[in-house]
């Protein structure tokens, strides 16, 4: 590796909007996230799914059987 062209890697504090914090390594000293593994629906299993599909909504709207 060439000397002086790579950024310095240091300890980084990551903060999520939900309040979860953890440490990792990065060239930044602090990172703020909107979602993390503690609050994202994929990891928590709390998916927001529609009760009816688009086809059913269309049929209900126009009275089609």
PDB file of N, CA and C in Angstrom:
ATOM      1  N   UNK A   1       0.843  -1.182   0.000  1.00  0.00           N
ATOM      2  CA  UNK A   1       0.000   0.000   0.000  1.00  0.00           C
ATOM      3  C   UNK A   1       0.886   1.243   0.000  1.00  0.00           C
ATOM      4  N   UNK A   2       0.429   2.258  -0.702  1.00  0.00           N
ATOM      5  CA  UNK A   2       1.151   3.514  -0.714  1.00  0.00           C
ATOM      6  C   UNK A   2       0.917   4.246   0.598  1.00  0.00           C
ATOM      7  N   UNK A   3       1.897   4.906   1.079  1.00  0.00           N
ATOM      8  CA  UNK A   3       1.795   5.674   2.322  1.00  0.00           C
ATOM      9  C   UNK A   3       1.105   7.015   2.055  1.00  0.00           C
ATOM     10  N   UNK A   4       0.244   7.432   2.987  1.00  0.00           N
ATOM     11  CA  UNK A   4      -0.349   8.759   2.954  1.00  0.00           C
ATOM     12  C   UNK A   4      -1.568   8.941   2.057  1.00  0.00           C
ATOM     13  N   UNK A   5      -2.052   7.901   1.367  1.00  0.00           N
ATOM     14  CA  UNK A   5      -3.221   8.098   0.515  1.00  0.00           C
ATOM     15  C   UNK A   5      -4.498   7.509   1.107  1.00  0.00           C
ATOM     16  N   UNK A   6      -4.382   6.689   2.136  1.00  0.00           N
ATOM     17  CA  UNK A   6      -5.547   6.061   2.742  1.00  0.00           C
ATOM     18  C   UNK A   6      -5.991   6.846   3.978  1.00  0.00           C
ATOM     19  N   UNK A   7      -7.319   6.964   4.198  1.00  0.00           N
ATOM     20  CA  UNK A   7      -7.802   7.683   5.381  1.00  0.00           C
ATOM     21  C   UNK A   7      -7.491   6.905   6.656  1.00  0.00           C
ATOM     22  N   UNK A   8      -7.405   7.621   7.734  1.00  0.00           N
ATOM     23  CA  UNK A   8      -7.131   7.012   9.037  1.00  0.00           C
ATOM     24  C   UNK A   8      -8.396   6.327   9.550  1.00  0.00           C
ATOM     25  N   UNK A   9      -8.297   5.081   9.940  1.00  0.00           N
ATOM     26  CA  UNK A   9      -9.420   4.325  10.491  1.00  0.00           C
ATOM     27  C   UNK A   9      -9.389   4.470  12.005  1.00  0.00           C
ATOM     28  N   UNK A  10     -10.552   4.872  12.576  1.00  0.00           N
ATOM     29  CA  UNK A  10     -10.629   5.081  14.022  1.00  0.00           C
ATOM     30  C   UNK A  10     -11.951   4.541  14.556  1.00  0.00           C
ATOM     31  N   UNK A  11     -12.078   4.497  15.850  1.00  0.00           N
ATOM     32  CA  UNK A  11     -13.295   4.035  16.518  1.00  0.00           C
ATOM     33  C   UNK A  11     -14.421   5.033  16.216  1.00  0.00           C
ATOM     34  N   UNK A  12     -15.609   4.490  15.872  1.00  0.00           N
ATOM     35  CA  UNK A  12     -16.740   5.315  15.460  1.00  0.00           C
ATOM     36  C   UNK A  12     -17.967   4.933  16.286  1.00  0.00           C
ATOM     37  N   UNK A  13     -18.718   5.932  16.737  1.00  0.00           N
ATOM     38  CA  UNK A  13     -19.958   5.704  17.469  1.00  0.00           C
ATOM     39  C   UNK A  13     -21.120   5.887  16.493  1.00  0.00           C
ATOM     40  N   UNK A  14     -21.946   4.827  16.347  1.00  0.00           N
ATOM     41  CA  UNK A  14     -23.099   4.851  15.453  1.00  0.00           C
ATOM     42  C   UNK A  14     -24.351   5.001  16.299  1.00  0.00           C
ATOM     43  N   UNK A  15     -25.204   5.991  15.956  1.00  0.00           N
ATOM     44  CA  UNK A  15     -26.423   6.267  16.701  1.00  0.00           C
ATOM     45  C   UNK A  15     -27.611   6.180  15.752  1.00  0.00           C
ATOM     46  N   UNK A  16     -28.607   5.401  16.140  1.00  0.00           N
ATOM     47  CA  UNK A  16     -29.820   5.247  15.340  1.00  0.00           C
ATOM     48  C   UNK A  16     -30.892   6.211  15.850  1.00  0.00           C
ATOM     49  N   UNK A  17     -31.887   6.494  15.014  1.00  0.00           N
ATOM     50  CA  UNK A  17     -32.989   7.366  15.403  1.00  0.00           C
ATOM     51  C   UNK A  17     -33.825   6.753  16.532  1.00  0.00           C
ATOM     52  N   UNK A  18     -33.811   5.421  16.660  1.00  0.00           N
ATOM     53  CA  UNK A  18     -34.572   4.757  17.722  1.00  0.00           C
ATOM     54  C   UNK A  18     -33.860   4.833  19.075  1.00  0.00           C
ATOM     55  N   UNK A  19     -32.594   5.264  19.079  1.00  0.00           N
ATOM     56  CA  UNK A  19     -31.848   5.379  20.319  1.00  0.00           C
ATOM     57  C   UNK A  19     -30.772   4.326  20.494  1.00  0.00           C
ATOM     58  N   UNK A  20     -30.738   3.334  19.645  1.00  0.00           N
ATOM     59  CA  UNK A  20     -29.726   2.283  19.720  1.00  0.00           C
ATOM     60  C   UNK A  20     -28.362   2.855  19.325  1.00  0.00           C
ATOM     61  N   UNK A  21     -27.322   2.496  20.086  1.00  0.00           N
ATOM     62  CA  UNK A  21     -25.964   2.928  19.759  1.00  0.00           C
ATOM     63  C   UNK A  21     -25.033   1.728  19.786  1.00  0.00           C
ATOM     64  N   UNK A  22     -24.025   1.758  18.933  1.00  0.00           N
ATOM     65  CA  UNK A  22     -22.984   0.745  18.931  1.00  0.00           C
ATOM     66  C   UNK A  22     -21.719   1.342  18.340  1.00  0.00           C
ATOM     67  N   UNK A  23     -20.602   0.669  18.565  1.00  0.00           N
ATOM     68  CA  UNK A  23     -19.308   1.145  18.085  1.00  0.00           C
ATOM     69  C   UNK A  23     -18.821   0.270  16.945  1.00  0.00           C
ATOM     70  N   UNK A  24     -18.139   0.898  16.008  1.00  0.00           N
ATOM     71  CA  UNK A  24     -17.526   0.205  14.887  1.00  0.00           C
ATOM     72  C   UNK A  24     -16.291   0.999  14.471  1.00  0.00           C
ATOM     73  N   UNK A  25     -15.671   0.632  13.377  1.00  0.00           N
ATOM     74  CA  UNK A  25     -14.513   1.369  12.890  1.00  0.00           C
ATOM     75  C   UNK A  25     -14.860   2.030  11.565  1.00  0.00           C
ATOM     76  N   UNK A  26     -14.430   3.272  11.406  1.00  0.00           N
ATOM     77  CA  UNK A  26     -14.708   4.033  10.202  1.00  0.00           C
ATOM     78  C   UNK A  26     -13.703   5.171  10.100  1.00  0.00           C
ATOM     79  N   UNK A  27     -13.748   5.901   8.990  1.00  0.00           N
ATOM     80  CA  UNK A  27     -12.906   7.080   8.884  1.00  0.00           C
ATOM     81  C   UNK A  27     -13.604   8.305   9.463  1.00  0.00           C
ATOM     82  N   UNK A  28     -14.882   8.163   9.855  1.00  0.00           N
ATOM     83  CA  UNK A  28     -15.625   9.223  10.533  1.00  0.00           C
ATOM     84  C   UNK A  28     -15.640   8.933  12.021  1.00  0.00           C
ATOM     85  N   UNK A  29     -15.852   9.954  12.824  1.00  0.00           N
ATOM     86  CA  UNK A  29     -15.876   9.741  14.270  1.00  0.00           C
ATOM     87  C   UNK A  29     -17.288   9.442  14.785  1.00  0.00           C
ATOM     88  N   UNK A  30     -18.325   9.838  14.014  1.00  0.00           N
ATOM     89  CA  UNK A  30     -19.704   9.619  14.450  1.00  0.00           C
ATOM     90  C   UNK A  30     -20.604   9.479  13.227  1.00  0.00           C
ATOM     91  N   UNK A  31     -21.541   8.529  13.279  1.00  0.00           N
ATOM     92  CA  UNK A  31     -22.493   8.295  12.193  1.00  0.00           C
ATOM     93  C   UNK A  31     -23.893   8.229  12.802  1.00  0.00           C
ATOM     94  N   UNK A  32     -24.879   8.872  12.134  1.00  0.00           N
ATOM     95  CA  UNK A  32     -26.271   8.821  12.579  1.00  0.00           C
ATOM     96  C   UNK A  32     -27.102   8.114  11.519  1.00  0.00           C
ATOM     97  N   UNK A  33     -27.919   7.150  11.956  1.00  0.00           N
ATOM     98  CA  UNK A  33     -28.743   6.333  11.065  1.00  0.00           C
ATOM     99  C   UNK A  33     -30.222   6.602  11.286  1.00  0.00           C
ATOM    100  N   UNK A  34     -31.039   6.287  10.272  1.00  0.00           N
ATOM    101  CA  UNK A  34     -32.489   6.346  10.420  1.00  0.00           C
ATOM    102  C   UNK A  34     -33.041   5.032  10.946  1.00  0.00           C
ATOM    103  N   UNK A  35     -32.502   3.910  10.466  1.00  0.00           N
ATOM    104  CA  UNK A  35     -32.943   2.591  10.926  1.00  0.00           C
ATOM    105  C   UNK A  35     -31.738   1.695  11.170  1.00  0.00           C
ATOM    106  N   UNK A  36     -31.886   0.781  12.102  1.00  0.00           N
ATOM    107  CA  UNK A  36     -30.826  -0.180  12.417  1.00  0.00           C
ATOM    108  C   UNK A  36     -31.467  -1.558  12.559  1.00  0.00           C
ATOM    109  N   UNK A  37     -30.706  -2.539  12.963  1.00  0.00           N
ATOM    110  CA  UNK A  37     -31.243  -3.892  13.105  1.00  0.00           C
ATOM    111  C   UNK A  37     -32.195  -4.025  14.291  1.00  0.00           C
ATOM    112  N   UNK A  38     -32.228  -3.079  15.197  1.00  0.00           N
ATOM    113  CA  UNK A  38     -33.148  -3.147  16.341  1.00  0.00           C
ATOM    114  C   UNK A  38     -34.525  -2.592  15.997  1.00  0.00           C
ATOM    115  N   UNK A  39     -34.633  -1.718  14.970  1.00  0.00           N
ATOM    116  CA  UNK A  39     -35.918  -1.101  14.670  1.00  0.00           C
ATOM    117  C   UNK A  39     -36.407  -1.349  13.244  1.00  0.00           C
ATOM    118  N   UNK A  40     -35.608  -1.936  12.364  1.00  0.00           N
ATOM    119  CA  UNK A  40     -36.032  -2.194  10.992  1.00  0.00           C
ATOM    120  C   UNK A  40     -37.011  -3.367  10.964  1.00  0.00           C
ATOM    121  N   UNK A  41     -38.058  -3.234  10.147  1.00  0.00           N
ATOM    122  CA  UNK A  41     -39.114  -4.249  10.127  1.00  0.00           C
ATOM    123  C   UNK A  41     -38.625  -5.609   9.644  1.00  0.00           C
ATOM    124  N   UNK A  42     -37.607  -5.657   8.813  1.00  0.00           N
ATOM    125  CA  UNK A  42     -37.084  -6.942   8.351  1.00  0.00           C
ATOM    126  C   UNK A  42     -36.514  -7.753   9.507  1.00  0.00           C
ATOM    127  N   UNK A  43     -35.820  -7.108  10.428  1.00  0.00           N
ATOM    128  CA  UNK A  43     -35.190  -7.804  11.549  1.00  0.00           C
ATOM    129  C   UNK A  43     -36.146  -8.031  12.716  1.00  0.00           C
ATOM    130  N   UNK A  44     -37.115  -7.140  12.909  1.00  0.00           N
ATOM    131  CA  UNK A  44     -38.041  -7.275  14.033  1.00  0.00           C
ATOM    132  C   UNK A  44     -39.213  -8.189  13.712  1.00  0.00           C
ATOM    133  N   UNK A  45     -39.511  -8.407  12.417  1.00  0.00           N
ATOM    134  CA  UNK A  45     -40.631  -9.249  12.024  1.00  0.00           C
ATOM    135  C   UNK A  45     -41.964  -8.542  12.052  1.00  0.00           C
ATOM    136  N   UNK A  46     -41.969  -7.234  12.238  1.00  0.00           N
ATOM    137  CA  UNK A  46     -43.210  -6.451  12.267  1.00  0.00           C
ATOM    138  C   UNK A  46     -43.394  -5.765  10.913  1.00  0.00           C
ATOM    139  N   UNK A  47     -43.808  -6.544   9.916  1.00  0.00           N
ATOM    140  CA  UNK A  47     -44.004  -6.001   8.580  1.00  0.00           C
ATOM    141  C   UNK A  47     -45.328  -5.260   8.502  1.00  0.00           C
ATOM    142  N   UNK A  48     -45.336  -4.183   7.757  1.00  0.00           N
ATOM    143  CA  UNK A  48     -46.564  -3.436   7.509  1.00  0.00           C
ATOM    144  C   UNK A  48     -47.092  -3.877   6.148  1.00  0.00           C
ATOM    145  N   UNK A  49     -48.005  -4.828   6.164  1.00  0.00           N
ATOM    146  CA  UNK A  49     -48.534  -5.353   4.916  1.00  0.00           C
ATOM    147  C   UNK A  49     -49.965  -4.883   4.723  1.00  0.00           C
ATOM    148  N   UNK A  50     -50.349  -4.748   3.476  1.00  0.00           N
ATOM    149  CA  UNK A  50     -51.711  -4.352   3.150  1.00  0.00           C
ATOM    150  C   UNK A  50     -52.658  -5.524   3.414  1.00  0.00           C
ATOM    151  N   UNK A  51     -53.855  -5.203   3.863  1.00  0.00           N
ATOM    152  CA  UNK A  51     -54.830  -6.245   4.149  1.00  0.00           C
ATOM    153  C   UNK A  51     -55.449  -6.776   2.862  1.00  0.00           C
ATOM    154  N   UNK A  52     -55.569  -5.917   1.847  1.00  0.00           N
ATOM    155  CA  UNK A  52     -56.083  -6.352   0.557  1.00  0.00           C
ATOM    156  C   UNK A  52     -55.092  -5.945  -0.520  1.00  0.00           C
ATOM    157  N   UNK A  53     -55.063  -6.697  -1.585  1.00  0.00           N
ATOM    158  CA  UNK A  53     -54.160  -6.419  -2.682  1.00  0.00           C
ATOM    159  C   UNK A  53     -54.706  -5.346  -3.602  1.00  0.00           C
ATOM    160  N   UNK A  54     -53.894  -4.904  -4.551  1.00  0.00           N
ATOM    161  CA  UNK A  54     -54.295  -3.859  -5.484  1.00  0.00           C
ATOM    162  C   UNK A  54     -55.439  -4.304  -6.385  1.00  0.00           C
ATOM    163  N   UNK A  55     -55.428  -5.562  -6.801  1.00  0.00           N
ATOM    164  CA  UNK A  55     -56.497  -6.072  -7.665  1.00  0.00           C
ATOM    165  C   UNK A  55     -57.822  -6.057  -6.915  1.00  0.00           C
ATOM    166  N   UNK A  56     -57.799  -6.495  -5.659  1.00  0.00           N
ATOM    167  CA  UNK A  56     -59.023  -6.507  -4.866  1.00  0.00           C
ATOM    168  C   UNK A  56     -59.531  -5.090  -4.622  1.00  0.00           C
ATOM    169  N   UNK A  57     -58.658  -4.145  -4.387  1.00  0.00           N
ATOM    170  CA  UNK A  57     -59.063  -2.744  -4.203  1.00  0.00           C
ATOM    171  C   UNK A  57     -59.737  -2.211  -5.467  1.00  0.00           C
ATOM    172  N   UNK A  58     -59.174  -2.536  -6.635  1.00  0.00           N
ATOM    173  CA  UNK A  58     -59.745  -2.098  -7.911  1.00  0.00           C
ATOM    174  C   UNK A  58     -61.133  -2.687  -8.102  1.00  0.00           C
ATOM    175  N   UNK A  59     -61.293  -3.981  -7.835  1.00  0.00           N
ATOM    176  CA  UNK A  59     -62.586  -4.635  -7.995  1.00  0.00           C
ATOM    177  C   UNK A  59     -63.618  -4.046  -7.042  1.00  0.00           C
ATOM    178  N   UNK A  60     -63.219  -3.757  -5.804  1.00  0.00           N
ATOM    179  CA  UNK A  60     -64.143  -3.161  -4.841  1.00  0.00           C
ATOM    180  C   UNK A  60     -64.535  -1.753  -5.246  1.00  0.00           C
ATOM    181  N   UNK A  61     -63.612  -0.997  -5.782  1.00  0.00           N
ATOM    182  CA  UNK A  61     -63.852   0.388  -6.164  1.00  0.00           C
ATOM    183  C   UNK A  61     -64.863   0.486  -7.312  1.00  0.00           C
ATOM    184  N   UNK A  62     -64.753  -0.404  -8.288  1.00  0.00           N
ATOM    185  CA  UNK A  62     -65.587  -0.342  -9.473  1.00  0.00           C
ATOM    186  C   UNK A  62     -66.694  -1.389  -9.479  1.00  0.00           C
ATOM    187  N   UNK A  63     -66.890  -2.116  -8.414  1.00  0.00           N
ATOM    188  CA  UNK A  63     -67.976  -3.071  -8.283  1.00  0.00           C
ATOM    189  C   UNK A  63     -67.861  -4.267  -9.200  1.00  0.00           C
ATOM    190  N   UNK A  64     -66.651  -4.660  -9.511  1.00  0.00           N
ATOM    191  CA  UNK A  64     -66.411  -5.807 -10.376  1.00  0.00           C
ATOM    192  C   UNK A  64     -66.290  -7.045  -9.513  1.00  0.00           C
ATOM    193  N   UNK A  65     -66.898  -8.141  -9.976  1.00  0.00           N
ATOM    194  CA  UNK A  65     -66.813  -9.372  -9.188  1.00  0.00           C
ATOM    195  C   UNK A  65     -65.536 -10.098  -9.368  1.00  0.00           C
TER     196      UNK A  65
END
